[in-house]
C-alpha atoms as a PDB file:
ATOM      1  CA  UNK A   1     -37.781  61.487 -43.629  1.00  0.00           C
ATOM      2  CA  UNK A   2     -36.335  64.433 -45.923  1.00  0.00           C
ATOM      3  CA  UNK A   3     -33.713  62.770 -48.555  1.00  0.00           C
ATOM      4  CA  UNK A   4     -30.474  65.314 -49.049  1.00  0.00           C
ATOM      5  CA  UNK A   5     -27.758  64.384 -51.233  1.00  0.00           C
ATOM      6  CA  UNK A   6     -29.268  60.703 -51.898  1.00  0.00           C
ATOM      7  CA  UNK A   7     -28.982  60.160 -47.762  1.00  0.00           C
ATOM      8  CA  UNK A   8     -32.169  60.108 -45.829  1.00  0.00           C
ATOM      9  CA  UNK A   9     -32.044  62.397 -42.922  1.00  0.00           C
ATOM     10  CA  UNK A  10     -33.426  61.081 -39.703  1.00  0.00           C
ATOM     11  CA  UNK A  11     -36.514  63.408 -38.821  1.00  0.00           C
ATOM     12  CA  UNK A  12     -36.650  63.264 -35.115  1.00  0.00           C
ATOM     13  CA  UNK A  13     -33.293  65.107 -34.673  1.00  0.00           C
ATOM     14  CA  UNK A  14     -32.188  68.682 -34.843  1.00  0.00           C
ATOM     15  CA  UNK A  15     -31.820  70.036 -39.050  1.00  0.00           C
ATOM     16  CA  UNK A  16     -28.029  71.073 -37.650  1.00  0.00           C
ATOM     17  CA  UNK A  17     -27.287  66.893 -36.175  1.00  0.00           C
ATOM     18  CA  UNK A  18     -29.342  65.328 -38.765  1.00  0.00           C
ATOM     19  CA  UNK A  19     -26.820  67.136 -41.302  1.00  0.00           C
ATOM     20  CA  UNK A  20     -23.850  65.576 -39.984  1.00  0.00           C
ATOM     21  CA  UNK A  21     -25.407  61.944 -41.054  1.00  0.00           C
ATOM     22  CA  UNK A  22     -24.175  63.148 -44.770  1.00  0.00           C
ATOM     23  CA  UNK A  23     -20.806  61.864 -45.286  1.00  0.00           C
ATOM     24  CA  UNK A  24     -18.524  65.036 -45.632  1.00  0.00           C
ATOM     25  CA  UNK A  25     -20.890  67.529 -43.082  1.00  0.00           C
ATOM     26  CA  UNK A  26     -19.515  67.723 -40.025  1.00  0.00           C
ATOM     27  CA  UNK A  27     -21.189  70.056 -36.969  1.00  0.00           C
ATOM     28  CA  UNK A  28     -19.215  73.071 -38.108  1.00  0.00           C
ATOM     29  CA  UNK A  29     -20.236  72.787 -41.987  1.00  0.00           C
ATOM     30  CA  UNK A  30     -24.120  72.070 -41.096  1.00  0.00           C
ATOM     31  CA  UNK A  31     -23.882  75.204 -39.130  1.00  0.00           C
ATOM     32  CA  UNK A  32     -23.409  77.043 -41.785  1.00  0.00           C
ATOM     33  CA  UNK A  33     -25.431  75.292 -44.178  1.00  0.00           C
ATOM     34  CA  UNK A  34     -28.741  76.457 -41.747  1.00  0.00           C
ATOM     35  CA  UNK A  35     -27.279  79.456 -41.489  1.00  0.00           C
ATOM     36  CA  UNK A  36     -26.941  79.875 -45.470  1.00  0.00           C
ATOM     37  CA  UNK A  37     -30.619  78.768 -45.724  1.00  0.00           C
ATOM     38  CA  UNK A  38     -32.296  80.746 -42.968  1.00  0.00           C
ATOM     39  CA  UNK A  39     -33.414  78.143 -41.224  1.00  0.00           C
ATOM     40  CA  UNK A  40     -32.853  77.226 -36.871  1.00  0.00           C
ATOM     41  CA  UNK A  41     -30.270  74.879 -36.153  1.00  0.00           C
ATOM     42  CA  UNK A  42     -32.812  73.478 -33.409  1.00  0.00           C
ATOM     43  CA  UNK A  43     -35.698  72.963 -35.597  1.00  0.00           C
ATOM     44  CA  UNK A  44     -36.474  69.304 -35.730  1.00  0.00           C
ATOM     45  CA  UNK A  45     -36.277  68.013 -39.793  1.00  0.00           C
ATOM     46  CA  UNK A  46     -39.960  66.804 -39.060  1.00  0.00           C
ATOM     47  CA  UNK A  47     -41.218  70.679 -38.767  1.00  0.00           C
ATOM     48  CA  UNK A  48     -39.298  71.660 -41.431  1.00  0.00           C
ATOM     49  CA  UNK A  49     -41.873  72.770 -44.225  1.00  0.00           C
ATOM     50  CA  UNK A  50     -40.877  71.311 -48.053  1.00  0.00           C
ATOM     51  CA  UNK A  51     -39.562  74.623 -49.353  1.00  0.00           C
ATOM     52  CA  UNK A  52     -37.073  74.291 -46.439  1.00  0.00           C
ATOM     53  CA  UNK A  53     -36.148  71.079 -47.488  1.00  0.00           C
ATOM     54  CA  UNK A  54     -35.109  72.378 -50.968  1.00  0.00           C
ATOM     55  CA  UNK A  55     -33.617  75.352 -49.519  1.00  0.00           C
ATOM     56  CA  UNK A  56     -31.252  72.594 -47.705  1.00  0.00           C
ATOM     57  CA  UNK A  57     -30.498  70.893 -50.950  1.00  0.00           C
ATOM     58  CA  UNK A  58     -29.106  73.841 -52.458  1.00  0.00           C
ATOM     59  CA  UNK A  59     -26.993  74.871 -49.985  1.00  0.00           C
ATOM     60  CA  UNK A  60     -25.537  70.653 -49.693  1.00  0.00           C
ATOM     61  CA  UNK A  61     -25.208  70.586 -53.485  1.00  0.00           C
ATOM     62  CA  UNK A  62     -22.496  73.364 -53.005  1.00  0.00           C
ATOM     63  CA  UNK A  63     -20.770  70.656 -51.413  1.00  0.00           C
ATOM     64  CA  UNK A  64     -18.427  68.022 -52.256  1.00  0.00           C
ATOM     65  CA  UNK A  65     -20.438  65.517 -50.227  1.00  0.00           C
ATOM     66  CA  UNK A  66     -21.168  61.456 -50.350  1.00  0.00           C
ATOM     67  CA  UNK A  67     -19.812  59.488 -53.356  1.00  0.00           C
ATOM     68  CA  UNK A  68     -17.941  62.303 -55.199  1.00  0.00           C
ATOM     69  CA  UNK A  69     -15.708  63.032 -51.441  1.00  0.00           C
ATOM     70  CA  UNK A  70     -15.501  59.232 -51.256  1.00  0.00           C
ATOM     71  CA  UNK A  71     -13.960  59.090 -55.210  1.00  0.00           C
ATOM     72  CA  UNK A  72     -12.168  61.943 -54.453  1.00  0.00           C
ATOM     73  CA  UNK A  73     -10.677  60.280 -51.242  1.00  0.00           C
ATOM     74  CA  UNK A  74      -9.780  57.254 -52.963  1.00  0.00           C
ATOM     75  CA  UNK A  75      -8.223  58.828 -55.623  1.00  0.00           C
ATOM     76  CA  UNK A  76      -5.768  60.733 -53.719  1.00  0.00           C
ATOM     77  CA  UNK A  77      -4.936  57.613 -52.261  1.00  0.00           C
ATOM     78  CA  UNK A  78      -4.415  56.039 -54.964  1.00  0.00           C
ATOM     79  CA  UNK A  79      -2.238  58.891 -56.851  1.00  0.00           C
ATOM     80  CA  UNK A  80       0.104  58.484 -53.533  1.00  0.00           C
ATOM     81  CA  UNK A  81       0.542  54.992 -54.432  1.00  0.00           C
ATOM     82  CA  UNK A  82       1.270  55.876 -58.111  1.00  0.00           C
ATOM     83  CA  UNK A  83       3.705  58.421 -57.230  1.00  0.00           C
ATOM     84  CA  UNK A  84       5.640  55.730 -54.665  1.00  0.00           C
ATOM     85  CA  UNK A  85       5.733  58.551 -52.106  1.00  0.00           C
ATOM     86  CA  UNK A  86       6.852  57.840 -48.873  1.00  0.00           C
ATOM     87  CA  UNK A  87       3.313  58.419 -47.814  1.00  0.00           C
ATOM     88  CA  UNK A  88       2.041  55.885 -50.947  1.00  0.00           C
ATOM     89  CA  UNK A  89       4.020  52.966 -49.474  1.00  0.00           C
ATOM     90  CA  UNK A  90       2.626  53.552 -45.548  1.00  0.00           C
ATOM     91  CA  UNK A  91      -0.595  53.017 -47.664  1.00  0.00           C
ATOM     92  CA  UNK A  92       0.324  50.217 -49.963  1.00  0.00           C
ATOM     93  CA  UNK A  93       2.235  48.134 -46.870  1.00  0.00           C
ATOM     94  CA  UNK A  94      -1.364  49.100 -44.355  1.00  0.00           C
ATOM     95  CA  UNK A  95       0.958  51.357 -41.893  1.00  0.00           C
ATOM     96  CA  UNK A  96       0.437  54.215 -40.274  1.00  0.00           C
ATOM     97  CA  UNK A  97       1.180  56.883 -42.864  1.00  0.00           C
ATOM     98  CA  UNK A  98       1.052  60.231 -40.426  1.00  0.00           C
ATOM     99  CA  UNK A  99       4.228  58.997 -38.364  1.00  0.00           C
ATOM    100  CA  UNK A 100       3.176  57.189 -35.758  1.00  0.00           C
ATOM    101  CA  UNK A 101       5.516  54.380 -33.786  1.00  0.00           C
ATOM    102  CA  UNK A 102       4.830  50.575 -35.134  1.00  0.00           C
ATOM    103  CA  UNK A 103       7.377  48.531 -32.707  1.00  0.00           C
ATOM    104  CA  UNK A 104       4.227  47.941 -30.540  1.00  0.00           C
ATOM    105  CA  UNK A 105       0.953  49.603 -30.861  1.00  0.00           C
ATOM    106  CA  UNK A 106      -0.671  50.145 -34.661  1.00  0.00           C
ATOM    107  CA  UNK A 107      -3.482  47.470 -34.576  1.00  0.00           C
ATOM    108  CA  UNK A 108      -5.862  48.499 -36.056  1.00  0.00           C
ATOM    109  CA  UNK A 109      -3.703  49.635 -38.969  1.00  0.00           C
ATOM    110  CA  UNK A 110      -1.865  46.559 -39.135  1.00  0.00           C
ATOM    111  CA  UNK A 111      -4.552  44.580 -38.328  1.00  0.00           C
ATOM    112  CA  UNK A 112      -4.870  41.101 -35.553  1.00  0.00           C
ATOM    113  CA  UNK A 113      -1.192  40.058 -34.022  1.00  0.00           C
ATOM    114  CA  UNK A 114       0.267  37.215 -36.047  1.00  0.00           C
ATOM    115  CA  UNK A 115       1.430  34.515 -34.003  1.00  0.00           C
ATOM    116  CA  UNK A 116       4.938  33.450 -34.254  1.00  0.00           C
ATOM    117  CA  UNK A 117       5.801  29.837 -33.383  1.00  0.00           C
ATOM    118  CA  UNK A 118       8.005  30.054 -30.651  1.00  0.00           C
ATOM    119  CA  UNK A 119      11.383  27.514 -31.225  1.00  0.00           C
ATOM    120  CA  UNK A 120      12.704  25.166 -28.958  1.00  0.00           C
END
């Protein structure tokens, strides 16, 4: 298993697909990395030479991935909450942030239904 950006890349997958196991790298970015490193996207990871894996490491290092990216995202959310803007308040209350309806639905964001005892 090749280790890139602190993540074990699966051997049995194509290079392009295997790179998507790194947080912050999707299909498009993985394609760009493979082209920049001069590696065919259809090459299996186990067939890559050490020099090719090193090229991939160098290309991935140019992007913000894994811990740095997670930290940046959480700091952005924390900044919104500290500002007290609408989006920050929605994050703080655990409600949908991007304008979705909440009268019905929004269960994923709000959590399980809190039962209200029927009064007689």
